[in-house]
């Protein structure tokens, strides 16, 4: 009886496995995107400190990066 149950349920188990793997991959990509944005923010602060960009340009670029960060 358990063998028949396994045969009947195997397509659903396969689909569930694939769905979990896709969800895990999406979450990993989101984490990588967040880390990239945070790195860009750090670089932006360094540019401001070194005088490569002024306050207005910093504010504009920071707002864009923070908007991207909120999307995740």
Protein backbone atom coordinates (compact mmCIF):
# COMPACT_ATOMS: atom_id res chain seq x y z
CA UNK A 1 0.00 0.00 0.00
CA UNK A 2 2.82 2.43 0.81
CA UNK A 3 4.37 1.76 -2.57
CA UNK A 4 1.15 2.81 -4.32
CA UNK A 5 0.96 5.92 -2.15
CA UNK A 6 4.53 6.80 -3.09
CA UNK A 7 3.73 6.38 -6.79
CA UNK A 8 0.67 8.58 -6.55
CA UNK A 9 2.44 11.27 -4.51
CA UNK A 10 5.75 11.34 -6.42
CA UNK A 11 4.73 14.03 -8.96
CA UNK A 12 3.64 16.30 -6.12
CA UNK A 13 6.83 15.64 -4.16
CA UNK A 14 8.87 16.44 -7.26
CA UNK A 15 6.99 19.67 -7.82
CA UNK A 16 7.41 20.64 -4.17
CA UNK A 17 11.15 19.97 -4.35
CA UNK A 18 11.50 22.14 -7.47
CA UNK A 19 9.42 24.93 -5.94
CA UNK A 20 11.61 24.93 -2.81
CA UNK A 21 14.80 25.05 -4.89
CA UNK A 22 13.47 27.96 -6.97
CA UNK A 23 12.45 29.85 -3.82
CA UNK A 24 15.91 29.26 -2.34
CA UNK A 25 17.60 30.53 -5.51
CA UNK A 26 15.41 33.65 -5.56
CA UNK A 27 16.23 34.39 -1.92
CA UNK A 28 19.95 33.96 -2.57
CA UNK A 29 19.72 36.37 -5.50
CA UNK A 30 17.90 38.93 -3.35
CA UNK A 31 20.60 38.66 -0.69
CA UNK A 32 23.30 39.16 -3.31
CA UNK A 33 21.47 42.19 -4.71
CA UNK A 34 21.15 43.67 -1.21
CA UNK A 35 24.85 43.13 -0.60
CA UNK A 36 25.69 44.81 -3.93
CA UNK A 37 23.59 47.86 -3.08
CA UNK A 38 25.15 48.11 0.37
CA UNK A 39 28.59 47.94 -1.22
CA UNK A 40 27.64 50.70 -3.63
CA UNK A 41 26.41 52.82 -0.72
CA UNK A 42 29.74 52.34 1.04
CA UNK A 43 31.58 53.36 -2.10
CA UNK A 44 29.36 56.37 -2.43
CA UNK A 45 30.18 57.48 1.10
CA UNK A 46 33.88 57.04 0.35
CA UNK A 47 33.56 59.22 -2.75
CA UNK A 48 31.84 61.92 -0.71
CA UNK A 49 34.55 61.79 1.95
CA UNK A 50 37.33 61.99 -0.65
CA UNK A 51 35.67 64.90 -2.43
CA UNK A 52 35.04 63.07 -5.72
CA UNK A 53 31.36 64.02 -5.56
CA UNK A 54 29.52 66.86 -3.89
CA UNK A 55 26.61 66.70 -1.43
CA UNK A 56 23.91 67.18 -4.08
CA UNK A 57 25.23 64.37 -6.27
CA UNK A 58 25.63 62.18 -3.20
CA UNK A 59 22.03 62.82 -2.11
CA UNK A 60 20.71 62.00 -5.56
CA UNK A 61 22.70 58.78 -5.93
CA UNK A 62 21.99 57.73 -2.35
CA UNK A 63 18.25 58.18 -2.88
CA UNK A 64 18.39 55.92 -5.95
CA UNK A 65 20.29 53.24 -4.08
CA UNK A 66 17.99 53.40 -1.07
CA UNK A 67 14.98 53.07 -3.37
CA UNK A 68 16.55 49.96 -4.89
CA UNK A 69 17.24 48.61 -1.42
CA UNK A 70 13.60 49.08 -0.40
CA UNK A 71 12.47 47.01 -3.40
CA UNK A 72 14.11 43.93 -1.94
